[in-house]
Amino acid sequence: MKKYFGRISSVVSACNRGKINAKQLCEFAVNEGISFTWHPLGFMMATLLDEGREKIRLHLWTNTFDKAQKPTWLIHDHKFDLTSWVLSGSIKNIEYKDLALPETHQLYSVSYSSTGSVLTKLDKVYSLAVDKTQEVNEGEAYRISAGTFHQSLSLSSKTTVTICHTTDKKNTPPLVIGDIDGMEQYYYQRSPVLADELQLVIEQI
């Protein structure tokens, strides 16, 4: 596994050729001492490679732990183009568009600190409508362009593992779609994943 992780281009090539095994990749990350954190939306995440504008991230989606923080607003965009390969389990990815109809949701801007993230209400509203839905199974990939609102959900009763390649495209902060009557700000903590939590989730791949 280590031979693929010298450069991001090698990882992307290996993913496209189906050479990355979910459990072996997770065990490699553990053996390399790579730290995982709980994302506010409830999945485990780790950065495996960082080349500035490009990164390789590992996401572990589990039903064993309920770590999603409240309010759990799943719909968001990114400042980067994203390619995500599903190594185990399955993902439902839903993309959204604004119909410019009567506003139903509020936009929030995301900022980051060393310990978490802050959602701040913007003077912008959104009329939410589904644009595209796709189910992505083991061995398949999905792509999302920077600035596209979406949410991704694990459909598996076991651990879903995805490896993501991101390439920064925008300099503006990412956005989250929240309740139209939401508060001015929300703080979300980025807490570390404990070793026994990680091991249990890997065993369920």
C-alpha atoms as a PDB file:
ATOM      1  CA  MET A   1       0.000   0.000   0.000  1.00  0.00           C
ATOM      2  CA  LYS A   2       2.797   2.410   0.873  1.00  0.00           C
ATOM      3  CA  LYS A   3       4.148   2.374  -2.693  1.00  0.00           C
ATOM      4  CA  TYR A   4       1.119   4.322  -3.903  1.00  0.00           C
ATOM      5  CA  PHE A   5       1.418   7.101  -1.317  1.00  0.00           C
ATOM      6  CA  GLY A   6       4.570   8.894  -2.428  1.00  0.00           C
ATOM      7  CA  ARG A   7       2.649  11.368  -4.576  1.00  0.00           C
ATOM      8  CA  ILE A   8      -0.988  12.292  -5.095  1.00  0.00           C
ATOM      9  CA  SER A   9      -0.804  11.427  -8.788  1.00  0.00           C
ATOM     10  CA  SER A  10       0.182   7.852  -7.846  1.00  0.00           C
ATOM     11  CA  VAL A  11      -2.797   7.539  -5.493  1.00  0.00           C
ATOM     12  CA  VAL A  12      -5.213   8.832  -8.140  1.00  0.00           C
ATOM     13  CA  SER A  13      -3.832   6.377 -10.683  1.00  0.00           C
ATOM     14  CA  ALA A  14      -4.125   3.477  -8.223  1.00  0.00           C
ATOM     15  CA  CYS A  15      -7.726   4.426  -7.349  1.00  0.00           C
ATOM     16  CA  ASN A  16      -8.680   4.616 -11.019  1.00  0.00           C
ATOM     17  CA  ARG A  17      -7.236   1.137 -11.549  1.00  0.00           C
ATOM     18  CA  GLY A  18      -8.993  -0.319  -8.494  1.00  0.00           C
ATOM     19  CA  LYS A  19      -5.738  -1.073  -6.684  1.00  0.00           C
ATOM     20  CA  ILE A  20      -6.650   0.374  -3.264  1.00  0.00           C
ATOM     21  CA  ASN A  21      -8.234  -2.025  -0.734  1.00  0.00           C
ATOM     22  CA  ALA A  22     -10.385  -0.398   1.954  1.00  0.00           C
ATOM     23  CA  LYS A  23      -9.221  -2.359   4.987  1.00  0.00           C
ATOM     24  CA  GLN A  24      -5.558  -2.386   3.930  1.00  0.00           C
ATOM     25  CA  LEU A  25      -5.668   1.385   3.425  1.00  0.00           C
ATOM     26  CA  CYS A  26      -7.134   1.953   6.894  1.00  0.00           C
ATOM     27  CA  GLU A  27      -4.559  -0.330   8.495  1.00  0.00           C
ATOM     28  CA  PHE A  28      -1.820   1.506   6.567  1.00  0.00           C
ATOM     29  CA  ALA A  29      -3.073   4.834   7.939  1.00  0.00           C
ATOM     30  CA  VAL A  30      -3.054   3.465  11.494  1.00  0.00           C
ATOM     31  CA  ASN A  31       0.453   2.014  11.121  1.00  0.00           C
ATOM     32  CA  GLU A  32       1.708   5.340   9.736  1.00  0.00           C
ATOM     33  CA  GLY A  33       0.384   7.133  12.810  1.00  0.00           C
ATOM     34  CA  ILE A  34      -2.032   9.296  10.807  1.00  0.00           C
ATOM     35  CA  SER A  35      -4.563  11.004  13.070  1.00  0.00           C
ATOM     36  CA  PHE A  36      -8.323  10.892  12.471  1.00  0.00           C
ATOM     37  CA  THR A  37     -10.879  13.444  13.612  1.00  0.00           C
ATOM     38  CA  TRP A  38     -14.649  13.384  13.870  1.00  0.00           C
ATOM     39  CA  HIS A  39     -16.212  15.588  11.200  1.00  0.00           C
ATOM     40  CA  PRO A  40     -19.227  17.566  12.513  1.00  0.00           C
ATOM     41  CA  LEU A  41     -21.431  15.566  10.108  1.00  0.00           C
ATOM     42  CA  GLY A  42     -20.519  12.356  11.952  1.00  0.00           C
ATOM     43  CA  PHE A  43     -17.881  10.552   9.876  1.00  0.00           C
ATOM     44  CA  MET A  44     -14.188   9.963  10.589  1.00  0.00           C
ATOM     45  CA  MET A  45     -11.705  11.787   8.406  1.00  0.00           C
ATOM     46  CA  ALA A  46      -7.932  11.961   7.915  1.00  0.00           C
ATOM     47  CA  THR A  47      -5.602  13.729   5.498  1.00  0.00           C
ATOM     48  CA  LEU A  48      -3.227  11.206   3.925  1.00  0.00           C
ATOM     49  CA  LEU A  49      -1.310  13.507   1.547  1.00  0.00           C
ATOM     50  CA  ASP A  50      -1.090  17.291   1.256  1.00  0.00           C
ATOM     51  CA  GLU A  51       0.518  18.956  -1.751  1.00  0.00           C
ATOM     52  CA  GLY A  52      -0.854  22.437  -1.199  1.00  0.00           C
ATOM     53  CA  ARG A  53      -3.779  22.909  -3.592  1.00  0.00           C
ATOM     54  CA  GLU A  54      -4.283  19.138  -3.808  1.00  0.00           C
ATOM     55  CA  LYS A  55      -5.008  16.703  -1.000  1.00  0.00           C
ATOM     56  CA  ILE A  56      -5.904  13.046  -0.472  1.00  0.00           C
ATOM     57  CA  ARG A  57      -8.401  12.440   2.320  1.00  0.00           C
ATOM     58  CA  LEU A  58      -9.820   9.266   3.851  1.00  0.00           C
ATOM     59  CA  HIS A  59     -13.413   9.153   5.131  1.00  0.00           C
ATOM     60  CA  LEU A  60     -14.929   6.374   7.255  1.00  0.00           C
ATOM     61  CA  TRP A  61     -18.723   6.409   7.509  1.00  0.00           C
ATOM     62  CA  THR A  62     -20.099   4.398  10.436  1.00  0.00           C
ATOM     63  CA  ASN A  63     -23.461   3.656  12.026  1.00  0.00           C
ATOM     64  CA  THR A  64     -21.801   2.473  15.253  1.00  0.00           C
ATOM     65  CA  PHE A  65     -21.264   5.946  16.714  1.00  0.00           C
ATOM     66  CA  ASP A  66     -23.636   8.908  16.666  1.00  0.00           C
ATOM     67  CA  LYS A  67     -21.119  11.743  16.479  1.00  0.00           C
ATOM     68  CA  ALA A  68     -23.017  14.161  14.233  1.00  0.00           C
ATOM     69  CA  GLN A  69     -23.237  17.561  15.917  1.00  0.00           C
ATOM     70  CA  LYS A  70     -26.409  19.647  16.117  1.00  0.00           C
ATOM     71  CA  PRO A  71     -27.843  21.223  14.104  1.00  0.00           C
ATOM     72  CA  THR A  72     -26.868  18.586  11.529  1.00  0.00           C
ATOM     73  CA  TRP A  73     -27.106  20.493   8.261  1.00  0.00           C
ATOM     74  CA  LEU A  74     -25.852  18.101   5.608  1.00  0.00           C
ATOM     75  CA  ILE A  75     -26.063  20.255   2.479  1.00  0.00           C
ATOM     76  CA  HIS A  76     -22.875  22.166   1.722  1.00  0.00           C
ATOM     77  CA  ASP A  77     -20.454  23.122  -1.029  1.00  0.00           C
ATOM     78  CA  HIS A  78     -16.649  23.025  -1.308  1.00  0.00           C
ATOM     79  CA  LYS A  79     -13.939  25.394  -2.442  1.00  0.00           C
ATOM     80  CA  PHE A  80     -12.371  22.438  -4.275  1.00  0.00           C
ATOM     81  CA  ASP A  81     -13.210  19.994  -7.039  1.00  0.00           C
ATOM     82  CA  LEU A  82     -13.775  16.584  -5.461  1.00  0.00           C
ATOM     83  CA  THR A  83     -13.365  13.045  -6.766  1.00  0.00           C
ATOM     84  CA  SER A  84     -14.422  10.359  -4.291  1.00  0.00           C
ATOM     85  CA  TRP A  85     -13.816   6.627  -4.807  1.00  0.00           C
ATOM     86  CA  VAL A  86     -16.025   4.263  -2.796  1.00  0.00           C
ATOM     87  CA  LEU A  87     -13.740   1.499  -1.518  1.00  0.00           C
ATOM     88  CA  SER A  88     -16.383  -0.293   0.558  1.00  0.00           C
ATOM     89  CA  GLY A  89     -20.096   0.106   1.184  1.00  0.00           C
ATOM     90  CA  SER A  90     -22.156   2.561  -0.845  1.00  0.00           C
ATOM     91  CA  ILE A  91     -22.914   6.277  -0.932  1.00  0.00           C
ATOM     92  CA  LYS A  92     -25.961   8.248  -2.020  1.00  0.00           C
ATOM     93  CA  ASN A  93     -24.876  11.632  -3.370  1.00  0.00           C
ATOM     94  CA  ILE A  94     -27.517  14.321  -3.872  1.00  0.00           C
ATOM     95  CA  GLU A  95     -26.808  17.601  -5.667  1.00  0.00           C
ATOM     96  CA  TYR A  96     -28.998  20.692  -5.337  1.00  0.00           C
ATOM     97  CA  LYS A  97     -29.837  23.864  -7.226  1.00  0.00           C
ATOM     98  CA  ASP A  98     -31.493  27.206  -6.426  1.00  0.00           C
ATOM     99  CA  LEU A  99     -34.805  27.667  -8.245  1.00  0.00           C
ATOM    100  CA  ALA A 100     -35.040  31.373  -7.312  1.00  0.00           C
ATOM    101  CA  LEU A 101     -38.488  30.680  -5.878  1.00  0.00           C
ATOM    102  CA  PRO A 102     -39.691  31.777  -2.416  1.00  0.00           C
ATOM    103  CA  GLU A 103     -36.728  31.305  -0.117  1.00  0.00           C
ATOM    104  CA  THR A 104     -36.748  28.217   2.095  1.00  0.00           C
ATOM    105  CA  HIS A 105     -33.230  28.121   3.574  1.00  0.00           C
ATOM    106  CA  GLN A 106     -30.461  30.358   4.905  1.00  0.00           C
ATOM    107  CA  LEU A 107     -26.845  30.354   3.723  1.00  0.00           C
ATOM    108  CA  TYR A 108     -24.030  30.118   6.276  1.00  0.00           C
ATOM    109  CA  SER A 109     -20.315  30.705   5.729  1.00  0.00           C
ATOM    110  CA  VAL A 110     -17.786  28.296   7.267  1.00  0.00           C
ATOM    111  CA  SER A 111     -14.579  29.426   8.974  1.00  0.00           C
ATOM    112  CA  TYR A 112     -12.026  27.239  10.737  1.00  0.00           C
ATOM    113  CA  SER A 113      -9.853  27.302  13.845  1.00  0.00           C
ATOM    114  CA  SER A 114      -7.396  24.800  15.283  1.00  0.00           C
ATOM    115  CA  THR A 115     -10.147  23.135  17.319  1.00  0.00           C
ATOM    116  CA  GLY A 116     -13.250  23.407  15.179  1.00  0.00           C
ATOM    117  CA  SER A 117     -15.379  25.315  12.709  1.00  0.00           C
ATOM    118  CA  VAL A 118     -17.850  28.192  12.929  1.00  0.00           C
ATOM    119  CA  LEU A 119     -20.979  28.705  10.831  1.00  0.00           C
ATOM    120  CA  THR A 120     -21.918  32.364  10.408  1.00  0.00           C
ATOM    121  CA  LYS A 121     -25.234  33.480   8.932  1.00  0.00           C
ATOM    122  CA  LEU A 122     -24.976  35.405   5.670  1.00  0.00           C
ATOM    123  CA  ASP A 123     -27.388  37.918   4.209  1.00  0.00           C
ATOM    124  CA  LYS A 124     -28.300  35.358   1.562  1.00  0.00           C
ATOM    125  CA  VAL A 125     -31.147  32.880   1.250  1.00  0.00           C
ATOM    126  CA  TYR A 126     -31.711  29.832  -0.929  1.00  0.00           C
ATOM    127  CA  SER A 127     -34.628  27.991  -2.508  1.00  0.00           C
ATOM    128  CA  LEU A 128     -33.691  24.333  -2.298  1.00  0.00           C
ATOM    129  CA  ALA A 129     -34.401  21.831  -5.090  1.00  0.00           C
ATOM    130  CA  VAL A 130     -32.817  18.466  -5.945  1.00  0.00           C
ATOM    131  CA  ASP A 131     -30.823  18.593  -9.166  1.00  0.00           C
ATOM    132  CA  LYS A 132     -29.322  15.073  -9.313  1.00  0.00           C
ATOM    133  CA  THR A 133     -29.268  11.905  -7.188  1.00  0.00           C
ATOM    134  CA  GLN A 134     -26.855   9.018  -7.653  1.00  0.00           C
ATOM    135  CA  GLU A 135     -26.051   5.821  -5.777  1.00  0.00           C
ATOM    136  CA  VAL A 136     -22.342   4.999  -5.866  1.00  0.00           C
ATOM    137  CA  ASN A 137     -21.287   1.475  -4.948  1.00  0.00           C
ATOM    138  CA  GLU A 138     -17.995  -0.211  -4.089  1.00  0.00           C
ATOM    139  CA  GLY A 139     -15.520   0.177  -6.939  1.00  0.00           C
ATOM    140  CA  GLU A 140     -17.238   3.283  -8.339  1.00  0.00           C
ATOM    141  CA  ALA A 141     -16.505   7.007  -8.029  1.00  0.00           C
ATOM    142  CA  TYR A 142     -18.385  10.289  -8.065  1.00  0.00           C
ATOM    143  CA  ARG A 143     -17.250  13.831  -8.810  1.00  0.00           C
ATOM    144  CA  ILE A 144     -18.437  17.193  -7.514  1.00  0.00           C
ATOM    145  CA  SER A 145     -17.332  20.565  -8.861  1.00  0.00           C
ATOM    146  CA  ALA A 146     -16.365  23.407  -6.529  1.00  0.00           C
ATOM    147  CA  GLY A 147     -19.378  25.488  -5.552  1.00  0.00           C
ATOM    148  CA  THR A 148     -21.939  22.700  -6.072  1.00  0.00           C
ATOM    149  CA  PHE A 149     -24.283  22.150  -3.142  1.00  0.00           C
ATOM    150  CA  HIS A 150     -24.579  18.480  -2.214  1.00  0.00           C
ATOM    151  CA  GLN A 151     -24.918  15.959   0.571  1.00  0.00           C
ATOM    152  CA  SER A 152     -23.483  12.442   0.768  1.00  0.00           C
ATOM    153  CA  LEU A 153     -25.035   9.650   2.834  1.00  0.00           C
ATOM    154  CA  SER A 154     -23.757   6.165   3.622  1.00  0.00           C
ATOM    155  CA  LEU A 155     -26.230   3.447   2.585  1.00  0.00           C
ATOM    156  CA  SER A 156     -24.334   0.569   4.198  1.00  0.00           C
ATOM    157  CA  SER A 157     -25.003  -1.062   7.577  1.00  0.00           C
ATOM    158  CA  LYS A 158     -21.255  -1.653   7.831  1.00  0.00           C
ATOM    159  CA  THR A 159     -18.421   0.841   7.433  1.00  0.00           C
ATOM    160  CA  THR A 160     -18.366   2.750   4.170  1.00  0.00           C
ATOM    161  CA  VAL A 161     -14.858   3.835   3.166  1.00  0.00           C
ATOM    162  CA  THR A 162     -14.155   6.591   0.645  1.00  0.00           C
ATOM    163  CA  ILE A 163     -10.856   8.070  -0.498  1.00  0.00           C
ATOM    164  CA  CYS A 164     -11.077  11.605  -1.839  1.00  0.00           C
ATOM    165  CA  HIS A 165      -8.894  13.710  -4.144  1.00  0.00           C
ATOM    166  CA  THR A 166      -9.478  17.458  -3.764  1.00  0.00           C
ATOM    167  CA  THR A 167      -8.103  20.312  -5.868  1.00  0.00           C
ATOM    168  CA  ASP A 168      -8.665  23.866  -4.628  1.00  0.00           C
ATOM    169  CA  LYS A 169     -10.503  26.087  -7.131  1.00  0.00           C
ATOM    170  CA  LYS A 170     -12.011  28.916  -5.063  1.00  0.00           C
ATOM    171  CA  ASN A 171     -10.625  31.367  -2.512  1.00  0.00           C
ATOM    172  CA  THR A 172     -13.992  31.998  -0.874  1.00  0.00           C
ATOM    173  CA  PRO A 173     -15.116  30.065   2.231  1.00  0.00           C
ATOM    174  CA  PRO A 174     -17.353  27.017   1.825  1.00  0.00           C
ATOM    175  CA  LEU A 175     -21.074  27.425   2.424  1.00  0.00           C
ATOM    176  CA  VAL A 176     -23.693  25.426   4.330  1.00  0.00           C
ATOM    177  CA  ILE A 177     -27.445  25.512   3.762  1.00  0.00           C
ATOM    178  CA  GLY A 178     -29.216  25.925   7.108  1.00  0.00           C
ATOM    179  CA  ASP A 179     -32.661  26.623   8.512  1.00  0.00           C
ATOM    180  CA  ILE A 180     -34.094  29.942   7.443  1.00  0.00           C
ATOM    181  CA  ASP A 181     -34.791  30.843  11.098  1.00  0.00           C
ATOM    182  CA  GLY A 182     -31.372  29.706  12.368  1.00  0.00           C
ATOM    183  CA  MET A 183     -29.212  31.605  14.841  1.00  0.00           C
ATOM    184  CA  GLU A 184     -26.410  33.980  13.874  1.00  0.00           C
ATOM    185  CA  GLN A 185     -23.583  31.525  14.608  1.00  0.00           C
ATOM    186  CA  TYR A 186     -22.922  27.883  15.453  1.00  0.00           C
ATOM    187  CA  TYR A 187     -19.670  26.341  16.701  1.00  0.00           C
ATOM    188  CA  TYR A 188     -18.659  22.761  15.873  1.00  0.00           C
ATOM    189  CA  GLN A 189     -15.815  20.964  17.609  1.00  0.00           C
ATOM    190  CA  ARG A 190     -13.335  18.813  15.666  1.00  0.00           C
ATOM    191  CA  SER A 191     -12.546  16.111  18.235  1.00  0.00           C
ATOM    192  CA  PRO A 192      -9.941  13.366  17.766  1.00  0.00           C
ATOM    193  CA  VAL A 193     -11.023   9.798  17.066  1.00  0.00           C
ATOM    194  CA  LEU A 194      -9.959   7.463  19.873  1.00  0.00           C
ATOM    195  CA  ALA A 195      -7.879   4.408  18.992  1.00  0.00           C
ATOM    196  CA  ASP A 196     -10.539   1.918  20.121  1.00  0.00           C
ATOM    197  CA  GLU A 197     -13.237   3.776  18.158  1.00  0.00           C
ATOM    198  CA  LEU A 198     -11.128   3.635  15.020  1.00  0.00           C
ATOM    199  CA  GLN A 199     -10.291  -0.036  15.463  1.00  0.00           C
ATOM    200  CA  LEU A 200     -13.960  -0.973  15.912  1.00  0.00           C
ATOM    201  CA  VAL A 201     -14.977   0.889  12.771  1.00  0.00           C
ATOM    202  CA  ILE A 202     -12.173  -0.716  10.719  1.00  0.00           C
ATOM    203  CA  GLU A 203     -13.234  -4.185  11.941  1.00  0.00           C
ATOM    204  CA  GLN A 204     -16.706  -3.521  10.467  1.00  0.00           C
ATOM    205  CA  ILE A 205     -15.451  -2.959   6.910  1.00  0.00           C
END
